[in-house]
Protein backbone atom coordinates (compact mmCIF):
# COMPACT_ATOMS: atom_id res chain seq x y z
CA MET A 1 56.65 -78.84 25.27
CA PRO A 2 53.50 -79.08 23.18
CA LYS A 3 53.99 -79.03 19.42
CA THR A 4 52.90 -75.80 17.73
CA PRO A 5 50.24 -76.64 15.19
CA ASP A 6 51.22 -76.03 11.60
CA LYS A 7 49.76 -72.95 10.00
CA PRO A 8 47.12 -73.82 7.42
CA ARG A 9 48.59 -73.69 3.94
CA LYS A 10 47.15 -71.13 1.59
CA LYS A 11 45.15 -72.74 -1.19
CA THR A 12 46.54 -72.21 -4.66
CA ILE A 13 44.07 -72.32 -7.53
CA PRO A 14 45.67 -73.58 -10.73
CA GLN A 15 45.59 -70.98 -13.50
CA LEU A 16 43.27 -71.99 -16.31
CA PRO A 17 44.17 -71.73 -19.98
CA VAL A 18 42.46 -68.70 -21.51
CA ALA A 19 40.65 -68.62 -24.85
CA VAL A 20 39.47 -65.46 -26.62
CA ILE A 21 36.51 -66.15 -28.91
CA THR A 22 35.42 -63.39 -31.28
CA GLY A 23 31.79 -63.53 -32.33
CA GLY A 24 31.43 -65.62 -29.20
CA ALA A 25 27.97 -64.54 -28.05
CA GLN A 26 25.96 -66.26 -30.78
CA GLY A 27 25.97 -69.12 -33.26
CA ILE A 28 29.09 -71.19 -33.81
CA GLY A 29 31.12 -68.82 -31.62
CA ARG A 30 28.80 -69.34 -28.68
CA ALA A 31 29.02 -73.11 -29.06
CA ILE A 32 32.81 -72.85 -29.10
CA ALA A 33 32.81 -70.63 -26.02
CA GLU A 34 30.53 -72.96 -24.04
CA THR A 35 32.47 -76.05 -25.08
CA LEU A 36 35.83 -74.58 -24.10
CA LEU A 37 34.43 -73.33 -20.79
CA ALA A 38 33.05 -76.80 -20.01
CA GLY A 39 36.41 -78.31 -20.95
CA GLY A 40 38.41 -76.26 -18.47
CA HIS A 41 39.21 -72.95 -20.17
CA ALA A 42 38.57 -69.47 -18.93
CA ILE A 43 36.91 -67.66 -21.82
CA VAL A 44 36.65 -64.16 -23.21
CA ILE A 45 33.52 -63.63 -25.30
CA ALA A 46 33.98 -60.74 -27.74
CA ASP A 47 31.04 -59.77 -29.95
CA HIS A 48 29.83 -56.78 -31.94
CA ASP A 49 26.19 -57.43 -30.96
CA ARG A 50 25.65 -55.67 -27.63
CA GLU A 51 22.31 -57.36 -27.01
CA ALA A 52 23.92 -60.79 -27.42
CA CYS A 53 26.79 -59.68 -25.18
CA ALA A 54 24.34 -58.61 -22.48
CA GLU A 55 22.64 -62.01 -22.62
CA ALA A 56 26.00 -63.78 -22.37
CA ALA A 57 27.03 -61.62 -19.40
CA THR A 58 23.74 -62.40 -17.65
CA ALA A 59 24.07 -66.12 -18.31
CA HIS A 60 27.58 -66.17 -16.79
CA ARG A 61 27.08 -63.61 -14.02
CA GLY A 62 29.33 -64.39 -11.06
CA ASP A 63 31.55 -66.79 -13.00
CA GLU A 64 35.08 -65.44 -12.69
CA ARG A 65 36.18 -67.65 -15.58
CA VAL A 66 34.16 -65.58 -18.06
CA LEU A 67 34.77 -62.09 -19.43
CA VAL A 68 32.34 -60.55 -21.95
CA MET A 69 33.54 -57.65 -24.11
CA PRO A 70 31.53 -55.80 -26.78
CA THR A 71 34.02 -55.60 -29.64
CA ASP A 72 34.15 -54.59 -33.30
CA VAL A 73 37.06 -56.65 -34.61
CA ALA A 74 37.45 -54.27 -37.56
CA ASP A 75 38.30 -51.45 -35.13
CA GLU A 76 41.92 -51.64 -34.00
CA GLY A 77 41.18 -49.61 -30.87
CA ASP A 78 38.50 -52.12 -29.86
CA VAL A 79 40.83 -55.04 -30.49
CA ARG A 80 43.68 -53.45 -28.56
CA LEU A 81 41.33 -52.86 -25.61
CA LEU A 82 40.02 -56.44 -25.81
CA MET A 83 43.49 -57.93 -25.48
CA ARG A 84 44.51 -55.45 -22.78
CA LYS A 85 41.47 -56.25 -20.63
CA THR A 86 41.94 -59.98 -21.20
CA LEU A 87 45.50 -59.81 -19.93
CA HIS A 88 44.52 -57.58 -17.01
CA ARG A 89 41.89 -60.12 -15.95
CA PHE A 90 43.65 -63.42 -16.70
CA GLN A 91 47.35 -62.56 -17.28
CA ARG A 92 47.57 -64.87 -20.31
CA ILE A 93 46.10 -65.88 -23.68
CA ASP A 94 46.42 -69.51 -24.73
CA ALA A 95 44.00 -69.64 -27.64
CA LEU A 96 42.55 -67.10 -30.07
CA ILE A 97 39.47 -68.21 -31.99
CA ASN A 98 38.83 -65.80 -34.87
CA ASN A 99 35.17 -66.56 -35.45
CA ALA A 100 33.58 -63.10 -35.81
CA GLY A 101 32.34 -62.38 -39.29
CA ILE A 102 29.52 -61.10 -41.46
CA ALA A 103 27.75 -64.38 -42.05
CA ASP A 104 25.61 -63.52 -45.08
CA PRO A 105 27.59 -64.56 -48.17
CA HIS A 106 25.22 -62.98 -50.70
CA GLY A 107 26.38 -59.53 -51.74
CA GLY A 108 24.32 -59.16 -54.90
CA MET A 109 25.50 -58.97 -58.51
CA VAL A 110 29.11 -57.86 -58.69
CA GLU A 111 28.32 -54.89 -60.95
CA HIS A 112 26.02 -53.56 -58.25
CA LEU A 113 28.17 -54.43 -55.23
CA SER A 114 29.14 -51.20 -53.49
CA LEU A 115 32.72 -50.55 -52.48
CA LYS A 116 31.44 -49.80 -48.98
CA ALA A 117 29.84 -53.25 -48.67
CA TRP A 118 32.95 -54.94 -50.15
CA ASN A 119 35.27 -53.12 -47.75
CA ARG A 120 33.10 -53.85 -44.70
CA MET A 121 33.05 -57.58 -45.50
CA LEU A 122 36.83 -57.71 -45.81
CA ALA A 123 37.28 -55.48 -42.76
CA VAL A 124 35.32 -57.80 -40.47
CA ASP A 125 36.03 -61.23 -41.98
CA LEU A 126 39.71 -60.79 -42.88
CA THR A 127 41.20 -57.63 -41.38
CA GLY A 128 39.52 -58.41 -38.05
CA PRO A 129 41.37 -61.72 -37.62
CA PHE A 130 44.62 -60.00 -38.63
CA LEU A 131 44.12 -57.31 -35.98
CA CYS A 132 43.28 -59.86 -33.29
CA VAL A 133 46.38 -61.88 -34.12
CA LYS A 134 48.54 -58.74 -34.19
CA HIS A 135 47.55 -57.71 -30.68
CA ALA A 136 47.41 -61.22 -29.17
CA VAL A 137 50.71 -62.55 -30.52
CA PRO A 138 52.99 -61.48 -27.63
CA ALA A 139 50.78 -63.28 -25.10
CA LEU A 140 50.20 -66.26 -27.40
CA ARG A 141 53.93 -66.63 -28.00
CA LYS A 142 54.60 -66.59 -24.27
CA ALA A 143 51.96 -69.28 -23.71
CA ARG A 144 52.97 -71.31 -26.82
CA GLY A 145 49.37 -70.85 -27.85
CA VAL A 146 47.07 -71.63 -30.75
CA ILE A 147 45.15 -69.56 -33.30
CA VAL A 148 42.05 -71.06 -34.92
CA ASN A 149 40.53 -69.13 -37.82
CA ILE A 150 36.93 -69.98 -38.68
CA ALA A 151 36.83 -69.79 -42.47
CA SER A 152 34.22 -71.43 -44.74
CA THR A 153 33.81 -73.99 -47.50
CA ARG A 154 33.02 -70.93 -49.61
CA ALA A 155 36.75 -70.30 -49.66
CA LEU A 156 36.88 -73.39 -51.88
CA GLN A 157 33.64 -73.26 -53.91
CA SER A 158 30.92 -70.70 -54.59
CA GLU A 159 27.34 -69.85 -55.36
CA ALA A 160 26.72 -66.86 -57.59
CA HIS A 161 26.96 -63.34 -56.17
CA SER A 162 29.14 -64.13 -53.15
CA GLU A 163 32.39 -62.47 -54.27
CA SER A 164 33.17 -60.42 -51.17
CA TYR A 165 32.50 -63.29 -48.77
CA ALA A 166 34.48 -65.80 -50.85
CA ALA A 167 37.39 -63.36 -51.13
CA ALA A 168 37.42 -62.72 -47.38
CA LYS A 169 37.27 -66.40 -46.42
CA GLY A 170 39.78 -67.38 -49.08
CA GLY A 171 42.09 -64.72 -47.71
CA LEU A 172 41.60 -66.10 -44.21
CA VAL A 173 42.69 -69.57 -45.34
CA ALA A 174 45.80 -68.05 -46.93
CA LEU A 175 46.47 -65.93 -43.85
CA THR A 176 46.34 -69.13 -41.80
CA HIS A 177 49.21 -70.88 -43.55
CA ALA A 178 51.23 -67.65 -43.69
CA LEU A 179 50.86 -67.21 -39.92
CA ALA A 180 51.73 -70.85 -39.29
CA ILE A 181 55.08 -70.31 -40.97
CA SER A 182 55.76 -66.88 -39.46
CA LEU A 183 54.73 -67.73 -35.90
CA GLY A 184 55.89 -71.33 -35.59
CA PRO A 185 57.12 -73.17 -33.66
CA HIS A 186 55.84 -71.13 -30.69
CA ILE A 187 52.30 -70.62 -32.04
CA ARG A 188 50.24 -73.05 -34.09
CA THR A 189 47.69 -71.65 -36.56
CA VAL A 190 44.85 -73.68 -38.06
CA ALA A 191 41.75 -72.87 -40.12
CA VAL A 192 38.41 -74.64 -39.84
CA SER A 193 36.03 -74.35 -42.78
CA PRO A 194 32.44 -75.18 -41.81
CA GLY A 195 29.91 -76.16 -44.42
CA TRP A 196 26.17 -75.87 -43.83
CA ILE A 197 25.71 -75.34 -40.09
CA ALA A 198 22.22 -74.75 -38.68
CA ALA A 199 22.94 -72.33 -35.85
CA GLU A 200 19.48 -70.84 -35.25
CA THR A 201 19.07 -72.33 -31.76
CA TRP A 202 22.38 -70.74 -30.67
CA LYS A 203 21.31 -67.17 -31.54
CA LYS A 204 20.36 -64.44 -29.07
CA ALA A 205 16.83 -64.70 -27.70
CA ALA A 206 15.28 -62.28 -30.19
CA ALA A 207 16.59 -64.25 -33.17
CA ARG A 208 16.44 -67.78 -31.75
CA ARG A 209 14.24 -70.35 -33.51
CA GLN A 210 14.15 -73.94 -34.61
CA PRO A 211 15.79 -74.44 -38.02
CA LYS A 212 13.41 -75.31 -40.86
CA LEU A 213 15.22 -78.20 -42.51
CA THR A 214 13.79 -80.59 -45.06
CA PRO A 215 14.77 -84.20 -45.81
CA THR A 216 16.34 -82.87 -49.02
CA ASP A 217 18.55 -80.52 -46.97
CA HIS A 218 19.85 -83.44 -44.93
CA ASP A 219 20.18 -85.77 -47.93
CA GLN A 220 22.65 -83.40 -49.62
CA HIS A 221 25.17 -84.48 -46.99
CA PRO A 222 26.85 -87.90 -47.19
CA VAL A 223 26.61 -88.16 -43.38
CA GLY A 224 22.84 -87.76 -43.66
CA ARG A 225 22.29 -84.47 -41.84
CA VAL A 226 22.98 -80.75 -41.80
CA GLY A 227 25.73 -79.65 -39.43
CA ARG A 228 25.35 -78.29 -35.90
CA PRO A 229 27.50 -75.69 -34.08
CA GLU A 230 28.65 -78.43 -31.71
CA ASP A 231 30.34 -80.16 -34.67
CA ILE A 232 32.64 -77.18 -35.08
CA ALA A 233 33.06 -76.55 -31.36
CA ASP A 234 34.22 -80.10 -30.68
CA LEU A 235 36.88 -79.85 -33.39
CA VAL A 236 38.09 -76.48 -32.08
CA ALA A 237 38.37 -77.93 -28.57
CA PHE A 238 40.63 -80.64 -29.98
CA LEU A 239 42.71 -78.21 -32.04
CA VAL A 240 43.54 -75.98 -29.08
CA SER A 241 44.60 -79.00 -26.99
CA ALA A 242 48.03 -80.55 -26.72
CA ARG A 243 46.68 -83.59 -28.59
CA ALA A 244 46.73 -81.50 -31.78
CA GLY A 245 50.33 -80.41 -31.27
CA PHE A 246 51.45 -81.68 -34.71
CA ILE A 247 48.75 -79.79 -36.65
CA THR A 248 49.46 -76.33 -38.04
CA GLY A 249 48.95 -74.43 -41.29
CA GLN A 250 46.03 -76.62 -42.32
CA ASN A 251 42.48 -75.83 -43.42
CA ILE A 252 40.17 -78.51 -42.04
CA VAL A 253 36.83 -78.80 -43.84
CA VAL A 254 33.87 -79.81 -41.67
CA ASP A 255 30.89 -80.16 -43.97
CA GLY A 256 29.45 -83.67 -43.64
CA GLY A 257 31.11 -84.54 -46.94
CA MET A 258 28.98 -82.09 -48.92
CA THR A 259 31.85 -80.59 -50.91
CA LYS A 260 32.96 -84.08 -52.01
CA LYS A 261 29.59 -85.03 -53.50
CA MET A 262 29.32 -84.79 -57.28
CA ILE A 263 26.02 -83.27 -58.43
CA TYR A 264 24.69 -83.63 -61.99
CA ALA A 265 21.75 -81.61 -63.29
CA GLU A 266 19.19 -83.90 -64.93
C-alpha cells in the first residue's frame, strides 16, 4: 500500500519583540526606531508631529513590523489608545522608549516664564513618560520588559534660562530610579542622558539639513566630535537587550565627555 504523503507543516513565524518609541518619527527617536527595527524588533513609532508621522508611514509602507501612531504623550487618552492599538497589532510590549519631548531648553528669564509654558514642558517631558509607563506596565510586566527614558545632561548642569527643561529632565532621572525599584525585578528601567547631539539630518524632510558645526564645537568634546543620534540609538539597543540584564535604575550620560571637562574663563 503506497505511503500517504505527509501534509505540509504550517509555517510558524517567530514573534518579534516589540518596542514603542515616543517621538520616534524624527531626531534621536527616529534613529532609535530604525536601529531597533534593523536589530530584529517590531516597532511602534508614536509622534506628535503628523507630518513626520506621515513620512514614517510612507517610508515603512507594507512592513508589518511597523506601526505609526500620531500621539500627544501629554494626553492620557492618546496614550491609552497608543498602547491599546499596539497590543491589538502585536499582542505584546517588550520595550518602551520614552523619547518624546519639547527639545528647546531655553524658556526665557524665569520672571517672564509663563505658567502655561512651564506646565506644557513638564506635561510633555515628564508627565508624558509617566503616562506611557502607566499604560504599558501590564504588558511590560508580562514580557519582563525594559523602559528607557531619554533624559538630558541638562538634568545635571545648566545654562541660564532653562529652568522648565532642567526641572522636567531632572524629574525624569528621578522617576527612572523610582520606577526601577517599584517595577523590579520584572521590569528594568534606565535613563540615558544625551549631551550635544546633532540630529538635523534625522528630521522630517521640511526641517532636514546638514548641521553647521565648527572645529570649536567638536573640540569642546574630549572624544573630538559632536554626538550623532546613532550614538544614542546604539546604546538603547544594548539596554533593551538581555546583555544589559544587570542594569537598572541608572542614568547613563552619553556626551563625548563634555560634562567632565573643566572650563576656565581667561
